[in-house]
N, C-alpha and C. Protein backbone atom coordinates (compact mmCIF):
# COMPACT_ATOMS: atom_id res chain seq x y z
N MET A 1 -19.47 33.05 -11.78
CA MET A 1 -18.13 32.22 -11.52
C MET A 1 -16.49 32.65 -12.38
N ARG A 2 -15.99 32.84 -12.08
CA ARG A 2 -14.91 33.37 -13.10
C ARG A 2 -14.58 32.63 -13.60
N GLY A 3 -14.61 31.16 -14.08
CA GLY A 3 -13.96 30.50 -14.47
C GLY A 3 -14.99 29.70 -15.58
N ASN A 4 -16.27 30.15 -15.24
CA ASN A 4 -17.53 30.37 -16.28
C ASN A 4 -17.30 28.10 -15.95
N LEU A 5 -17.07 27.78 -14.78
CA LEU A 5 -17.23 26.26 -14.70
C LEU A 5 -19.12 26.43 -14.59
N ALA A 6 -19.82 26.57 -14.38
CA ALA A 6 -21.56 25.90 -14.63
C ALA A 6 -21.86 25.97 -16.34
N GLN A 7 -20.69 26.42 -16.77
CA GLN A 7 -21.05 26.50 -18.38
C GLN A 7 -19.78 25.30 -19.12
N ARG A 8 -18.78 25.25 -18.60
CA ARG A 8 -17.95 24.14 -18.63
C ARG A 8 -17.83 23.11 -18.09
N GLU A 9 -18.67 22.96 -17.57
CA GLU A 9 -18.75 21.33 -16.63
C GLU A 9 -19.25 20.65 -17.65
N PRO A 10 -20.52 21.01 -18.25
CA PRO A 10 -20.84 20.02 -18.86
C PRO A 10 -19.95 19.09 -20.59
N GLN A 11 -19.63 20.79 -20.64
CA GLN A 11 -18.59 19.81 -21.67
C GLN A 11 -17.67 19.30 -21.56
N MET A 12 -17.24 19.17 -20.73
CA MET A 12 -15.85 18.08 -19.42
C MET A 12 -16.53 17.23 -19.14
N LEU A 13 -17.51 16.87 -18.82
CA LEU A 13 -18.63 15.86 -18.37
C LEU A 13 -19.19 14.79 -19.85
N ALA A 14 -18.75 15.21 -20.90
CA ALA A 14 -18.98 14.92 -21.99
C ALA A 14 -17.59 13.99 -22.75
N HIS A 15 -17.07 15.12 -22.48
CA HIS A 15 -15.47 14.64 -23.20
C HIS A 15 -14.92 13.37 -22.21
N TRP A 16 -15.02 13.73 -21.22
CA TRP A 16 -15.07 12.13 -20.14
C TRP A 16 -15.58 10.73 -20.50
N GLU A 17 -16.73 11.42 -20.99
CA GLU A 17 -17.87 10.29 -21.32
C GLU A 17 -17.30 9.78 -22.95
N GLU A 18 -16.90 10.51 -23.67
CA GLU A 18 -16.79 10.08 -25.54
C GLU A 18 -15.48 9.64 -25.24
N THR A 19 -14.54 10.15 -24.30
CA THR A 19 -13.13 9.49 -24.25
C THR A 19 -12.61 8.01 -23.53
N ALA A 20 -14.15 8.15 -22.65
CA ALA A 20 -14.57 6.39 -21.86
C ALA A 20 -13.21 6.35 -20.95
N LEU A 21 -13.07 7.47 -20.06
CA LEU A 21 -11.96 7.91 -19.26
C LEU A 21 -11.90 6.74 -18.12
N TYR A 22 -13.55 6.87 -16.97
CA TYR A 22 -13.37 6.29 -16.17
C TYR A 22 -13.62 4.37 -16.14
N LYS A 23 -13.82 4.02 -17.52
CA LYS A 23 -13.82 2.37 -17.88
C LYS A 23 -11.95 2.53 -18.30
N ARG A 24 -11.29 3.35 -18.99
CA ARG A 24 -10.13 3.19 -19.46
C ARG A 24 -9.31 3.23 -17.85
N ILE A 25 -9.86 4.23 -16.80
CA ILE A 25 -8.84 3.87 -15.75
C ILE A 25 -9.20 2.56 -15.22
N ARG A 26 -10.61 1.78 -14.80
CA ARG A 26 -10.89 0.59 -14.62
C ARG A 26 -10.02 -0.93 -15.22
N GLU A 27 -9.65 -0.30 -16.38
CA GLU A 27 -9.29 -1.52 -17.16
C GLU A 27 -7.80 -1.35 -16.88
N ASN A 28 -6.96 -0.14 -16.55
CA ASN A 28 -5.56 -0.14 -16.76
C ASN A 28 -5.44 -0.61 -15.20
N SER A 29 -6.26 -0.84 -14.21
CA SER A 29 -6.13 -1.34 -13.01
C SER A 29 -6.48 -2.49 -12.49
N ALA A 30 -6.92 -3.35 -13.59
CA ALA A 30 -7.57 -4.47 -13.07
C ALA A 30 -6.29 -5.34 -13.00
N GLY A 31 -6.40 -6.51 -12.66
CA GLY A 31 -5.02 -7.30 -11.71
C GLY A 31 -4.37 -7.01 -10.48
N ARG A 32 -4.58 -5.41 -10.56
CA ARG A 32 -3.46 -4.72 -9.47
C ARG A 32 -4.14 -5.24 -8.08
N GLU A 33 -3.05 -4.81 -7.14
CA GLU A 33 -3.39 -5.39 -5.89
C GLU A 33 -4.42 -4.29 -5.32
N LYS A 34 -5.84 -5.24 -4.13
CA LYS A 34 -6.85 -3.84 -4.88
C LYS A 34 -6.34 -2.85 -2.86
N PHE A 35 -6.80 -2.00 -3.42
CA PHE A 35 -7.02 -0.90 -1.77
C PHE A 35 -9.02 -1.00 -1.76
N ILE A 36 -9.01 -1.53 -0.60
CA ILE A 36 -10.11 -0.59 -0.16
C ILE A 36 -10.51 -0.45 1.12
N LEU A 37 -11.19 0.73 0.74
CA LEU A 37 -11.46 1.81 2.10
C LEU A 37 -12.92 1.98 2.80
N HIS A 38 -13.11 0.59 3.69
CA HIS A 38 -14.34 0.53 4.38
C HIS A 38 -15.26 2.21 4.76
N ASP A 39 -16.14 2.44 4.98
CA ASP A 39 -16.97 2.98 5.26
C ASP A 39 -17.91 3.00 5.71
N GLY A 40 -18.24 3.53 6.95
CA GLY A 40 -19.14 2.93 8.09
C GLY A 40 -20.55 4.44 7.55
N PRO A 41 -21.60 3.63 7.98
CA PRO A 41 -22.97 4.29 8.12
C PRO A 41 -22.65 5.64 7.92
N PRO A 42 -23.58 6.41 7.04
CA PRO A 42 -23.22 7.96 6.98
C PRO A 42 -23.58 8.51 8.58
N TYR A 43 -23.55 9.73 9.19
CA TYR A 43 -24.56 10.66 10.18
C TYR A 43 -24.92 9.55 11.41
N ALA A 44 -24.61 8.02 11.54
CA ALA A 44 -24.64 7.07 12.73
C ALA A 44 -24.60 8.10 14.31
N ASN A 45 -23.38 9.07 14.32
CA ASN A 45 -23.00 10.02 15.89
C ASN A 45 -24.38 11.12 15.47
N GLY A 46 -25.05 11.30 15.12
CA GLY A 46 -25.72 12.65 15.04
C GLY A 46 -26.62 13.40 14.01
N ASP A 47 -26.42 14.93 14.14
CA ASP A 47 -26.80 14.69 13.27
C ASP A 47 -25.46 15.40 12.03
N ILE A 48 -26.11 16.11 10.58
CA ILE A 48 -24.70 15.89 9.63
C ILE A 48 -24.05 18.08 10.47
N HIS A 49 -22.49 17.57 10.38
CA HIS A 49 -21.91 18.82 10.93
C HIS A 49 -20.70 18.98 9.51
N ILE A 50 -20.31 19.84 9.97
CA ILE A 50 -18.84 19.89 8.98
C ILE A 50 -17.93 18.92 9.23
N GLY A 51 -18.12 18.43 10.31
CA GLY A 51 -17.33 17.57 10.37
C GLY A 51 -17.00 16.12 9.44
N HIS A 52 -18.58 15.90 9.42
CA HIS A 52 -18.89 14.82 8.05
C HIS A 52 -18.20 15.29 6.43
N ALA A 53 -18.69 16.44 6.21
CA ALA A 53 -18.04 16.58 4.98
C ALA A 53 -16.37 16.55 4.80
N LEU A 54 -15.50 16.82 5.91
CA LEU A 54 -14.53 17.12 5.95
C LEU A 54 -13.98 15.33 5.84
N ASN A 55 -14.77 14.59 6.62
CA ASN A 55 -14.21 13.80 6.84
C ASN A 55 -14.51 12.77 5.22
N LYS A 56 -15.64 13.23 4.44
CA LYS A 56 -15.41 12.29 3.37
C LYS A 56 -15.04 12.89 2.31
N ILE A 57 -14.36 14.31 2.45
CA ILE A 57 -13.50 14.56 1.51
C ILE A 57 -11.74 13.90 1.43
N ILE A 58 -11.16 13.91 2.88
CA ILE A 58 -10.71 13.15 3.30
C ILE A 58 -10.46 11.73 2.49
N LYS A 59 -11.51 10.93 2.71
CA LYS A 59 -11.75 9.51 2.26
C LYS A 59 -11.20 9.51 1.18
N ASP A 60 -12.26 10.49 0.11
CA ASP A 60 -11.92 10.54 -1.24
C ASP A 60 -10.51 10.75 -1.83
N ILE A 61 -9.55 11.99 -0.92
CA ILE A 61 -8.35 11.90 -0.86
C ILE A 61 -7.77 10.24 -1.37
N ILE A 62 -7.53 10.01 -0.14
CA ILE A 62 -6.84 8.54 0.01
C ILE A 62 -7.76 7.93 -1.06
N VAL A 63 -8.46 7.17 -1.31
CA VAL A 63 -8.86 6.53 -1.91
C VAL A 63 -8.05 7.23 -3.79
N LYS A 64 -8.36 7.97 -3.44
CA LYS A 64 -7.65 8.28 -5.30
C LYS A 64 -5.82 8.83 -5.49
N SER A 65 -6.10 8.84 -4.12
CA SER A 65 -3.78 8.68 -4.02
C SER A 65 -3.65 7.35 -3.59
N ARG A 66 -4.01 6.24 -3.77
CA ARG A 66 -4.12 5.12 -3.92
C ARG A 66 -3.82 4.38 -4.93
N GLN A 67 -4.85 5.11 -5.57
CA GLN A 67 -5.12 4.66 -7.30
C GLN A 67 -4.06 5.12 -8.39
N MET A 68 -3.85 6.28 -7.96
CA MET A 68 -2.40 6.81 -8.21
C MET A 68 -1.29 6.30 -8.24
N GLU A 69 -1.06 5.78 -6.77
CA GLU A 69 0.33 4.98 -6.79
C GLU A 69 0.31 3.12 -7.36
N GLY A 70 -1.04 2.75 -7.88
CA GLY A 70 -1.01 2.07 -8.44
C GLY A 70 -2.07 1.08 -7.94
N PHE A 71 -2.32 0.94 -6.88
CA PHE A 71 -3.63 0.18 -6.13
C PHE A 71 -4.74 0.23 -7.19
N ASP A 72 -5.69 -1.06 -7.72
CA ASP A 72 -7.12 -1.29 -7.94
C ASP A 72 -8.02 -0.76 -6.75
N SER A 73 -8.36 0.89 -6.52
CA SER A 73 -9.25 1.31 -5.47
C SER A 73 -9.99 1.89 -6.13
């Protein structure tokens, strides 16, 4: 891959772990209004297909955007 992502990803993950990025995000969100996106059981309507992947991506975008808007998501 052009960006050498397979080689760079372990370094990025280690950096996030060292800086406690997720912990800091959670601490910064403490006490804010909560945003919860309820998600049903996966693949309840049949075999997995590309629509399921799209649905998961859209839900991830929604949750992350609400976090950036100041919600505790």
